[in-house]
Protein backbone atom coordinates (compact mmCIF):
# COMPACT_ATOMS: atom_id res chain seq x y z
CA MET A 1 10.24 41.40 -3.75
CA ILE A 2 13.75 40.22 -2.63
CA LYS A 3 14.46 41.59 0.97
CA ALA A 4 18.03 40.81 1.24
CA LYS A 5 20.64 40.51 4.14
CA ILE A 6 24.10 40.20 3.35
CA TYR A 7 26.68 38.45 5.45
CA GLY A 8 30.16 39.50 4.92
CA ALA A 9 29.25 42.72 3.68
CA CYS A 10 32.52 44.58 3.91
CA GLY A 11 34.38 42.10 1.43
CA TYR A 12 34.59 42.22 -2.32
CA GLY A 13 31.86 39.73 -2.41
CA GLY A 14 29.37 41.59 -0.23
CA VAL A 15 30.06 45.03 -1.68
CA GLY A 16 29.61 43.53 -5.31
CA MET A 17 26.10 42.25 -4.14
CA ILE A 18 25.23 45.69 -2.79
CA GLU A 19 26.32 47.44 -5.76
CA LEU A 20 23.97 45.13 -7.89
CA LEU A 21 20.79 45.31 -5.57
CA ILE A 22 21.05 49.14 -5.51
CA GLY A 23 19.87 49.02 -9.16
CA HIS A 24 17.63 46.17 -8.98
CA PRO A 25 13.87 47.04 -9.31
CA LYS A 26 12.60 44.11 -7.29
CA ALA A 27 14.89 44.14 -4.56
CA GLU A 28 15.65 45.89 -1.13
CA ILE A 29 18.54 45.51 1.03
CA VAL A 30 17.49 45.27 4.63
CA LYS A 31 20.59 44.67 6.50
CA LEU A 32 24.32 44.45 6.36
CA ILE A 33 26.14 41.95 8.28
CA ASP A 34 29.87 41.58 9.23
CA LEU A 35 32.40 41.13 11.97
CA GLU A 36 34.21 44.40 11.26
CA ASN A 37 33.07 47.88 11.00
CA THR A 38 29.90 47.23 13.19
CA GLY A 39 27.94 50.40 13.82
CA MET A 40 29.55 52.17 10.80
CA PRO A 41 27.53 52.88 7.50
CA ILE A 42 28.92 51.01 4.70
CA SER A 43 29.34 54.13 2.68
CA SER A 44 32.18 54.91 5.23
CA VAL A 45 33.81 51.73 4.29
CA TYR A 46 33.50 52.19 0.44
CA ARG A 47 33.03 55.75 -0.07
CA HIS A 48 31.61 55.15 -3.92
CA LEU A 49 28.39 53.97 -2.09
CA THR A 50 27.62 57.56 -0.55
CA GLY A 51 24.19 58.50 -1.39
CA PHE A 52 23.33 55.18 -2.57
CA CYS A 53 23.65 52.89 0.44
CA GLU A 54 23.96 54.19 4.10
CA ILE A 55 22.74 51.16 5.73
CA LYS A 56 24.84 50.55 9.37
CA ILE A 57 26.79 47.21 9.59
CA VAL A 58 25.50 45.07 12.25
CA SER A 59 27.16 42.00 13.79
CA PRO A 60 25.99 38.44 13.51
CA GLU A 61 24.86 38.22 17.01
CA ASP A 62 22.62 41.41 16.43
CA ASP A 63 20.42 39.82 13.30
CA ASP A 64 17.39 37.75 14.13
CA PRO A 65 16.10 35.55 11.39
CA ALA A 66 12.77 35.86 12.95
CA ASP A 67 12.53 39.84 12.90
CA GLY A 68 10.25 39.81 9.78
CA CYS A 69 12.31 42.50 7.93
CA GLY A 70 13.92 40.00 5.37
CA ASN A 71 13.27 36.82 3.02
CA SER A 72 16.50 36.35 1.56
CA VAL A 73 20.32 35.92 2.79
CA PHE A 74 23.49 36.18 0.83
CA PHE A 75 26.47 34.59 2.52
CA ALA A 76 29.53 36.24 0.97
CA THR A 77 31.81 34.51 3.56
CA PRO A 78 34.60 32.10 3.81
CA ASP A 79 34.16 28.42 4.11
CA GLY A 80 32.64 27.21 7.41
CA VAL A 81 30.40 30.40 8.21
CA ALA A 82 27.32 29.40 6.13
CA MET A 83 27.14 26.02 7.52
CA ARG A 84 26.91 27.20 10.93
CA GLN A 85 24.28 30.35 10.53
CA ALA A 86 22.14 28.87 7.40
CA GLY A 87 20.13 26.76 9.67
CA LYS A 88 18.13 29.34 11.49
CA TYR A 89 17.21 31.31 8.31
CA PHE A 90 16.33 28.12 6.44
CA LYS A 91 14.05 27.27 9.49
CA ASN A 92 12.46 30.80 9.09
CA GLY A 93 11.64 30.19 5.32
CA TYR A 94 14.43 32.42 3.95
CA LYS A 95 16.20 31.76 0.55
CA ILE A 96 19.74 31.37 0.90
CA VAL A 97 22.71 31.54 -1.64
CA ASP A 98 26.00 30.79 -0.13
CA TYR A 99 29.13 31.82 -2.13
CA SER A 100 31.54 29.47 -0.32
CA GLY A 101 31.89 25.60 -0.98
CA ASP A 102 29.74 24.84 2.19
CA PHE A 103 26.57 23.97 0.19
CA ARG A 104 28.05 23.12 -3.20
CA PHE A 105 27.58 19.28 -2.46
CA SER A 106 24.47 17.39 -1.80
CA SER A 107 26.24 14.60 0.22
CA LEU A 108 28.79 14.44 2.92
CA ASN A 109 30.98 12.46 0.93
CA GLY A 110 30.97 15.07 -1.83
CA TYR A 111 31.66 17.73 0.90
CA ALA A 112 34.37 15.86 2.55
CA ALA A 113 36.55 15.53 -0.86
CA TYR A 114 36.07 19.31 -1.33
CA ALA A 115 36.91 19.74 2.49
CA LYS A 116 40.24 17.62 2.32
CA ARG A 117 41.58 19.85 -0.48
CA ILE A 118 41.11 23.03 1.51
CA GLY A 119 42.34 21.41 4.82
CA ARG A 120 39.18 21.34 6.55
CA PRO A 121 37.55 18.81 8.52
CA ALA A 122 35.40 16.23 6.79
CA SER A 123 32.29 16.83 9.03
CA HIS A 124 29.80 19.33 8.14
CA ALA A 125 28.02 21.50 10.74
CA ALA A 126 24.58 21.43 8.96
CA PRO A 127 24.57 17.94 7.45
CA ASP A 128 20.76 17.88 7.59
CA LEU A 129 20.89 20.65 4.96
CA LEU A 130 22.82 19.23 2.27
CA GLU A 131 20.05 17.10 0.81
CA HIS A 132 18.16 20.46 0.32
CA ALA A 133 21.15 22.39 -1.44
CA VAL A 134 21.28 22.77 -5.01
CA TYR A 135 24.39 23.56 -7.07
CA GLY A 136 23.91 26.93 -8.59
CA LEU A 137 25.19 27.14 -12.12
CA THR A 138 22.10 28.84 -13.52
CA GLU A 139 22.63 28.04 -17.20
CA LEU A 140 22.87 24.28 -16.50
CA ASN A 141 20.69 23.83 -13.38
CA ARG A 142 17.94 26.47 -13.72
CA PRO A 143 14.79 24.20 -12.83
CA ALA A 144 16.25 22.96 -9.57
CA ILE A 145 17.35 26.27 -8.59
CA SER A 146 14.13 27.90 -9.13
CA ARG A 147 12.57 25.37 -6.88
CA SER A 148 15.07 25.65 -4.21
CA ASN A 149 15.48 27.71 -0.96
CA LEU A 150 19.15 26.83 -0.67
CA VAL A 151 21.69 27.37 -3.34
CA GLY A 152 25.67 26.86 -3.30
CA ASN A 153 26.98 29.18 -5.53
CA PRO A 154 29.81 27.66 -7.70
CA GLY A 155 33.42 28.53 -7.42
CA CYS A 156 34.40 31.21 -9.97
CA PHE A 157 37.01 28.92 -11.72
CA ALA A 158 34.29 26.15 -11.84
CA ILE A 159 31.69 28.39 -13.36
CA VAL A 160 33.68 28.95 -16.56
CA THR A 161 35.42 25.95 -16.71
CA ILE A 162 32.12 23.72 -16.57
CA LEU A 163 30.53 26.10 -19.33
CA ALA A 164 33.40 25.84 -21.47
CA PHE A 165 33.45 21.75 -21.31
CA ALA A 166 29.78 21.10 -20.99
CA PRO A 167 28.69 20.95 -24.72
CA LEU A 168 31.45 18.55 -25.70
CA VAL A 169 31.02 16.43 -22.58
CA LYS A 170 27.32 16.25 -23.11
CA GLU A 171 27.77 15.17 -26.73
CA LYS A 172 30.62 12.82 -25.45
CA ALA A 173 32.89 14.39 -28.33
CA ILE A 174 36.01 14.19 -26.37
CA ASP A 175 37.76 12.04 -24.08
CA ILE A 176 36.38 12.78 -20.78
CA LYS A 177 38.97 11.19 -18.61
CA ARG A 178 41.70 13.61 -19.94
CA LEU A 179 40.21 17.00 -19.70
CA ILE A 180 42.92 19.72 -19.12
CA CYS A 181 42.26 23.51 -17.84
CA ASP A 182 44.62 26.26 -17.68
CA ALA A 183 43.05 29.08 -15.69
CA LYS A 184 44.41 32.47 -14.87
CA THR A 185 42.70 34.94 -12.21
CA GLY A 186 43.25 38.45 -11.08
CA VAL A 187 44.31 39.35 -7.66
CA SER A 188 40.97 40.24 -6.38
CA GLY A 189 40.28 36.40 -6.33
CA ALA A 190 42.09 36.33 -3.26
CA GLY A 191 39.67 38.63 -1.34
CA LYS A 192 39.95 41.72 0.65
CA LYS A 193 42.24 40.76 3.40
CA PRO A 194 46.02 41.80 2.82
CA SER A 195 48.72 39.13 2.81
CA PRO A 196 52.40 39.12 1.89
CA ALA A 197 51.73 37.14 -1.29
CA PHE A 198 49.44 39.85 -2.35
CA HIS A 199 51.59 42.82 -1.35
CA TYR A 200 51.77 45.18 -4.17
CA PRO A 201 55.76 44.36 -4.90
CA ALA A 202 54.91 40.80 -5.17
CA ARG A 203 52.09 40.95 -7.50
CA TYR A 204 53.19 43.81 -9.77
CA GLU A 205 54.61 42.47 -13.13
CA ASN A 206 54.51 39.01 -11.54
CA MET A 207 52.54 35.96 -12.23
CA ASN A 208 52.78 32.41 -10.67
CA PRO A 209 50.90 29.20 -10.26
CA TYR A 210 49.25 28.28 -7.17
CA LYS A 211 47.64 25.03 -5.85
CA THR A 212 48.84 23.13 -8.84
CA GLY A 213 46.95 20.27 -9.81
CA MET A 214 45.23 20.44 -6.08
CA HIS A 215 42.73 23.41 -6.49
CA GLN A 216 39.52 22.63 -4.62
CA HIS A 217 37.35 23.88 -7.56
CA CYS A 218 38.40 20.61 -9.35
CA ILE A 219 36.06 18.57 -7.12
CA GLU A 220 32.97 20.47 -8.20
CA ILE A 221 34.00 20.64 -11.70
CA GLU A 222 34.41 16.94 -12.07
CA ASN A 223 31.19 16.49 -9.91
CA GLN A 224 29.30 18.55 -12.14
CA LEU A 225 30.77 17.27 -15.58
CA SER A 226 30.06 13.79 -14.63
CA ILE A 227 26.38 14.52 -13.96
CA ILE A 228 26.33 16.01 -17.56
CA ALA A 229 28.18 13.11 -19.01
CA GLY A 230 26.45 10.26 -16.98
CA SER A 231 29.91 8.88 -16.47
CA GLU A 232 33.00 9.94 -14.48
CA CYS A 233 34.95 12.94 -15.79
CA LEU A 234 38.68 13.93 -14.82
CA ILE A 235 40.33 16.97 -15.07
CA THR A 236 43.85 18.49 -14.62
CA LEU A 237 43.17 22.04 -13.26
CA ASN A 238 46.18 24.34 -13.14
CA THR A 239 45.61 27.74 -11.68
CA GLN A 240 47.68 30.90 -11.80
CA VAL A 241 47.50 34.44 -10.56
CA VAL A 242 48.34 37.20 -12.89
CA PRO A 243 48.78 40.99 -12.18
CA LEU A 244 45.39 42.00 -12.91
CA THR A 245 42.85 43.36 -10.60
CA ARG A 246 39.62 41.35 -11.91
CA GLY A 247 39.16 38.64 -14.31
CA ILE A 248 39.22 34.98 -15.30
CA MET A 249 40.53 33.48 -18.57
CA VAL A 250 40.65 29.76 -18.93
CA CYS A 251 41.85 27.77 -21.72
CA ALA A 252 40.10 24.31 -21.85
CA TYR A 253 41.51 21.25 -23.83
CA GLY A 254 40.06 18.11 -25.01
CA GLN A 255 40.90 15.37 -27.26
CA LEU A 256 38.22 15.10 -29.82
CA ASP A 257 36.66 12.05 -31.33
CA GLU A 258 37.22 11.68 -34.95
CA GLY A 259 34.93 13.26 -37.32
CA TRP A 260 34.64 16.74 -35.67
CA ARG A 261 35.58 19.58 -37.49
CA LEU A 262 35.83 23.33 -36.36
CA THR A 263 32.28 24.33 -37.91
CA ARG A 264 30.62 21.38 -36.30
CA VAL A 265 32.16 22.30 -32.79
CA TYR A 266 31.12 26.03 -33.21
CA ASP A 267 27.51 25.14 -34.45
CA LEU A 268 27.19 22.78 -31.24
CA TYR A 269 28.29 25.40 -28.77
CA LYS A 270 26.06 28.10 -30.62
CA ASP A 271 23.16 25.77 -30.35
CA PHE A 272 23.77 24.52 -26.80
CA TYR A 273 23.79 28.12 -25.42
CA LYS A 274 21.26 29.86 -28.07
CA ASN A 275 18.75 30.86 -25.43
CA GLU A 276 21.38 32.01 -22.54
CA ARG A 277 21.34 35.93 -22.07
CA PHE A 278 24.69 35.98 -20.17
CA LEU A 279 26.69 33.56 -22.37
CA ARG A 280 28.10 34.40 -25.90
CA ILE A 281 29.92 32.49 -28.27
CA LEU A 282 32.32 34.23 -30.49
CA PRO A 283 33.64 33.44 -33.83
CA PRO A 284 36.64 31.41 -33.89
CA ASP A 285 38.80 34.37 -35.26
CA GLN A 286 37.64 36.64 -32.34
CA PRO A 287 38.93 35.30 -28.77
CA PRO A 288 37.61 36.92 -25.90
CA SER A 289 39.53 39.25 -23.72
CA SER A 290 39.15 40.35 -20.05
CA MET A 291 38.02 43.80 -21.07
CA ASP A 292 35.12 42.34 -22.69
CA VAL A 293 33.55 41.14 -19.28
CA ARG A 294 34.81 43.46 -16.83
CA GLY A 295 32.19 44.59 -14.59
CA GLY A 296 29.36 42.58 -16.39
CA ASN A 297 27.78 39.30 -15.66
CA PHE A 298 28.83 37.72 -19.03
CA CYS A 299 30.54 34.64 -19.99
CA LEU A 300 32.32 34.95 -23.57
CA MET A 301 33.83 32.00 -25.31
CA SER A 302 35.27 30.88 -28.43
CA VAL A 303 36.39 27.48 -29.84
CA TYR A 304 39.32 26.39 -31.95
CA ILE A 305 40.63 22.92 -32.99
CA ASP A 306 44.40 22.09 -33.22
CA ALA A 307 43.96 19.80 -36.32
CA ARG A 308 47.55 18.61 -36.12
CA THR A 309 46.73 17.00 -32.61
CA GLY A 310 42.97 16.63 -32.63
CA THR A 311 42.70 18.90 -29.61
CA CYS A 312 39.82 21.08 -29.03
CA ILE A 313 40.51 24.73 -27.16
CA VAL A 314 37.85 26.26 -25.58
CA LEU A 315 38.66 29.98 -24.25
CA GLY A 316 36.40 31.41 -21.84
CA GLN A 317 36.40 34.64 -20.07
CA ILE A 318 34.48 36.06 -16.89
CA ASP A 319 34.60 38.74 -14.42
CA ASN A 320 35.55 36.98 -11.13
CA LEU A 321 33.86 39.13 -8.96
CA VAL A 322 30.46 39.57 -11.11
CA LYS A 323 29.91 36.32 -13.16
CA GLY A 324 32.06 34.49 -10.88
CA GLN A 325 30.73 35.56 -7.58
CA ALA A 326 27.99 38.32 -7.00
CA GLY A 327 26.44 38.23 -10.37
CA SER A 328 25.69 34.59 -10.55
CA ALA A 329 24.46 34.79 -6.90
CA LEU A 330 21.84 37.21 -7.74
CA GLN A 331 21.09 35.42 -11.00
CA ASN A 332 20.11 32.40 -8.76
CA MET A 333 18.50 34.60 -6.05
CA ASN A 334 16.27 36.00 -8.74
CA LEU A 335 15.04 32.61 -10.02
CA MET A 336 14.41 31.33 -6.57
CA HIS A 337 12.07 34.23 -6.25
CA GLY A 338 10.37 33.52 -9.60
CA LEU A 339 11.93 36.66 -11.12
CA ASP A 340 13.43 37.23 -14.54
CA GLU A 341 17.10 36.11 -13.74
CA SER A 342 18.67 39.11 -15.63
CA LEU A 343 17.00 41.71 -13.22
CA GLY A 344 19.69 44.16 -11.87
CA LEU A 345 22.20 42.27 -14.10
CA TYR A 346 21.65 42.90 -17.75
CA ARG A 347 23.78 45.71 -18.33
CA PRO A 348 27.18 46.15 -20.64
CA SER A 349 30.62 45.37 -19.29
CA MET A 350 32.70 48.38 -18.34
CA VAL A 351 35.18 49.68 -21.11
CA PRO A 352 38.08 50.35 -20.60
């Protein structure tokens, strides 16, 4: 039984986890923790939870890991929070899933490269925990996740980009030094806090690139793809914000080796992901759309080949707040508790 505490309960990642756990047959929310709205029931912050979750929000100082009421904690918090708070839960036997980049790397060097991209110090507040951290891309790291008590949930762009390249990289069918990914995200990817750049007039009928060639998820993408390939992978990642509430679409490009045709690539992907409940490979003439995955924990992909240039194109879609965040976190926590990873998650996406 998952007895969950949720840090950052009032953000999009936190409320997303609440929504999932409400319908989970083997999970219970025992505490909601946030710096804001303390003393208020979560239903007064998100009225759609009225009658489903009325738990009052408490501050971090008011939670005791040794209180005996929980066994799991989700950190739906920005970078730097989990590394300062996770240790006391780890020592008390909790299973921990962190949404941020604090525990996506098992070494200080790996974390330092990531921290540099986001302008944070290279030092880590809990370096002793890094050796226990496991990268939480369920489809590719299932055995290690199931044995771990500390999982770093992948970044939203990283999830779909790694899944898009993994079969070709493992097969060494493309030039792994020249991977390219063009990725678009909805506005909710920036989180709940308002800012001038995400004010309605700035976003309506507007799309723009950001962190061009410098997005922090590039570090974990290269790290994980290099593990899969057995040698260094390099990627150019270009990210953009589009006037959409939720969703991520990636167009992943790789230069194919000779001898690869569309049917062979399609069969490779179908076979590679044949046992995955949340990953679906569509026929080449059926490209995935954001509506196919909205509100669901699915990743949909299709593959193409530009025969003229010898380029393989992989199109992928996820909901950035579910598969890209809370859904993957719950998928991981299910595994960590020895449960069916689809519990609380296997339901269709929302249309329209």
